[in-house]
Amino acid sequence: MKKHLTCCGRSERPLTLTNARCSRPLRVIRISSSSPASLRLKELGLCEAAEIRKLVDGNALICSIQGTRLAIGRSLGTHIEVEEVLA
């Protein structure tokens, strides 16, 4: 997994959908898997620059994407890099 540099020069792992906190607005940076499931997520609107909100953090990650709730498996969520959107 890639590491990003912060302003202090320390390396930091990118935030994934699996690690993100619930109820925060998020923006998708990258989907790193090329599996058929990842391609289907892109067809459903979960693509780079999409704004989403993680609602439930359980065995499946429930997210709101363009007003639609979508369940994403935890293992697939590790391939979705996100960033928090500042209000």
C-alpha atoms as a PDB file:
ATOM      1  CA  MET A   1       0.000   0.000   0.000  1.00  0.00           C
ATOM      2  CA  LYS A   2       1.305   3.467  -0.867  1.00  0.00           C
ATOM      3  CA  LYS A   3       2.372   5.831   1.872  1.00  0.00           C
ATOM      4  CA  HIS A   4       1.836   9.569   1.645  1.00  0.00           C
ATOM      5  CA  LEU A   5       4.022  12.292   3.124  1.00  0.00           C
ATOM      6  CA  THR A   6       2.440  14.742   5.531  1.00  0.00           C
ATOM      7  CA  CYS A   7       3.467  18.359   5.959  1.00  0.00           C
ATOM      8  CA  CYS A   8       5.944  17.325   8.666  1.00  0.00           C
ATOM      9  CA  GLY A   9       7.697  14.835   6.398  1.00  0.00           C
ATOM     10  CA  ARG A  10       6.372  11.778   8.225  1.00  0.00           C
ATOM     11  CA  SER A  11       4.886   8.971   6.178  1.00  0.00           C
ATOM     12  CA  GLU A  12       1.229   8.232   6.708  1.00  0.00           C
ATOM     13  CA  ARG A  13      -1.014   5.513   5.335  1.00  0.00           C
ATOM     14  CA  PRO A  14      -3.872   6.740   3.180  1.00  0.00           C
ATOM     15  CA  LEU A  15      -7.330   6.749   4.755  1.00  0.00           C
ATOM     16  CA  THR A  16      -9.494   3.912   3.436  1.00  0.00           C
ATOM     17  CA  LEU A  17     -13.254   3.561   3.617  1.00  0.00           C
ATOM     18  CA  THR A  18     -12.786   0.735   6.130  1.00  0.00           C
ATOM     19  CA  ASN A  19     -10.773   3.016   8.470  1.00  0.00           C
ATOM     20  CA  ALA A  20     -12.867   6.188   8.027  1.00  0.00           C
ATOM     21  CA  ARG A  21     -15.189   7.282  10.808  1.00  0.00           C
ATOM     22  CA  CYS A  22     -18.959   7.132  10.390  1.00  0.00           C
ATOM     23  CA  SER A  23     -21.164  10.151   9.634  1.00  0.00           C
ATOM     24  CA  ARG A  24     -18.345  12.222   8.139  1.00  0.00           C
ATOM     25  CA  PRO A  25     -18.570  13.495   4.570  1.00  0.00           C
ATOM     26  CA  LEU A  26     -15.919  11.761   2.472  1.00  0.00           C
ATOM     27  CA  ARG A  27     -14.536  12.110  -1.045  1.00  0.00           C
ATOM     28  CA  VAL A  28     -13.241   9.107  -2.961  1.00  0.00           C
ATOM     29  CA  ILE A  29      -9.626   9.618  -4.039  1.00  0.00           C
ATOM     30  CA  ARG A  30      -8.953   6.277  -5.670  1.00  0.00           C
ATOM     31  CA  ILE A  31     -10.221   2.719  -5.997  1.00  0.00           C
ATOM     32  CA  SER A  32      -7.111   0.568  -6.157  1.00  0.00           C
ATOM     33  CA  SER A  33      -8.636  -2.791  -7.055  1.00  0.00           C
ATOM     34  CA  SER A  34      -9.527  -3.805 -10.598  1.00  0.00           C
ATOM     35  CA  SER A  35     -11.816  -6.622  -9.490  1.00  0.00           C
ATOM     36  CA  PRO A  36     -15.274  -6.995 -11.063  1.00  0.00           C
ATOM     37  CA  ALA A  37     -16.776  -5.733  -7.786  1.00  0.00           C
ATOM     38  CA  SER A  38     -14.722  -2.521  -8.019  1.00  0.00           C
ATOM     39  CA  LEU A  39     -15.835  -1.998 -11.590  1.00  0.00           C
ATOM     40  CA  ARG A  40     -19.460  -2.466 -10.522  1.00  0.00           C
ATOM     41  CA  LEU A  41     -19.028   0.143  -7.762  1.00  0.00           C
ATOM     42  CA  LYS A  42     -17.852   2.629 -10.385  1.00  0.00           C
ATOM     43  CA  GLU A  43     -20.953   1.864 -12.454  1.00  0.00           C
ATOM     44  CA  LEU A  44     -23.090   2.604  -9.373  1.00  0.00           C
ATOM     45  CA  GLY A  45     -21.479   6.036  -8.914  1.00  0.00           C
ATOM     46  CA  LEU A  46     -18.703   5.233  -6.456  1.00  0.00           C
ATOM     47  CA  CYS A  47     -15.827   6.631  -8.489  1.00  0.00           C
ATOM     48  CA  GLU A  48     -13.002   9.107  -8.019  1.00  0.00           C
ATOM     49  CA  ALA A  49     -14.215  12.500  -6.692  1.00  0.00           C
ATOM     50  CA  ALA A  50     -17.595  11.066  -5.600  1.00  0.00           C
ATOM     51  CA  GLU A  51     -18.815  12.394  -2.270  1.00  0.00           C
ATOM     52  CA  ILE A  52     -20.091   9.724   0.086  1.00  0.00           C
ATOM     53  CA  ARG A  53     -20.960   9.263   3.748  1.00  0.00           C
ATOM     54  CA  LYS A  54     -20.213   6.096   5.719  1.00  0.00           C
ATOM     55  CA  LEU A  55     -23.301   5.317   7.816  1.00  0.00           C
ATOM     56  CA  VAL A  56     -22.606   1.924   9.426  1.00  0.00           C
ATOM     57  CA  ASP A  57     -19.310   0.227  10.250  1.00  0.00           C
ATOM     58  CA  GLY A  58     -19.985  -3.482  10.702  1.00  0.00           C
ATOM     59  CA  ASN A  59     -19.274  -6.644   8.733  1.00  0.00           C
ATOM     60  CA  ALA A  60     -20.489  -4.600   5.783  1.00  0.00           C
ATOM     61  CA  LEU A  61     -19.908  -0.877   5.368  1.00  0.00           C
ATOM     62  CA  ILE A  62     -23.182   0.915   4.660  1.00  0.00           C
ATOM     63  CA  CYS A  63     -22.614   4.128   2.723  1.00  0.00           C
ATOM     64  CA  SER A  64     -24.809   6.840   1.294  1.00  0.00           C
ATOM     65  CA  ILE A  65     -23.905   7.682  -2.301  1.00  0.00           C
ATOM     66  CA  GLN A  66     -26.014  10.254  -4.154  1.00  0.00           C
ATOM     67  CA  GLY A  67     -28.978   9.546  -1.873  1.00  0.00           C
ATOM     68  CA  THR A  68     -28.724   5.750  -2.228  1.00  0.00           C
ATOM     69  CA  ARG A  69     -27.563   3.364   0.478  1.00  0.00           C
ATOM     70  CA  LEU A  70     -25.007   0.803  -0.604  1.00  0.00           C
ATOM     71  CA  ALA A  71     -23.455  -2.094   1.340  1.00  0.00           C
ATOM     72  CA  ILE A  72     -19.762  -2.667   0.662  1.00  0.00           C
ATOM     73  CA  GLY A  73     -17.752  -5.570   2.081  1.00  0.00           C
ATOM     74  CA  ARG A  74     -14.974  -4.648   4.523  1.00  0.00           C
ATOM     75  CA  SER A  75     -12.297  -6.259   2.352  1.00  0.00           C
ATOM     76  CA  LEU A  76     -13.387  -4.222  -0.676  1.00  0.00           C
ATOM     77  CA  GLY A  77     -13.483  -1.103   1.523  1.00  0.00           C
ATOM     78  CA  THR A  78      -9.729  -1.409   2.099  1.00  0.00           C
ATOM     79  CA  HIS A  79      -9.203  -0.715  -1.629  1.00  0.00           C
ATOM     80  CA  ILE A  80     -11.188   2.547  -1.566  1.00  0.00           C
ATOM     81  CA  GLU A  81      -9.030   5.530  -0.554  1.00  0.00           C
ATOM     82  CA  VAL A  82     -10.965   8.513   0.782  1.00  0.00           C
ATOM     83  CA  GLU A  83     -10.382  11.896   2.367  1.00  0.00           C
ATOM     84  CA  GLU A  84     -12.580  13.836   4.765  1.00  0.00           C
ATOM     85  CA  VAL A  85     -14.410  16.752   3.191  1.00  0.00           C
ATOM     86  CA  LEU A  86     -14.142  19.947   5.186  1.00  0.00           C
ATOM     87  CA  ALA A  87     -17.449  21.743   5.716  1.00  0.00           C
END
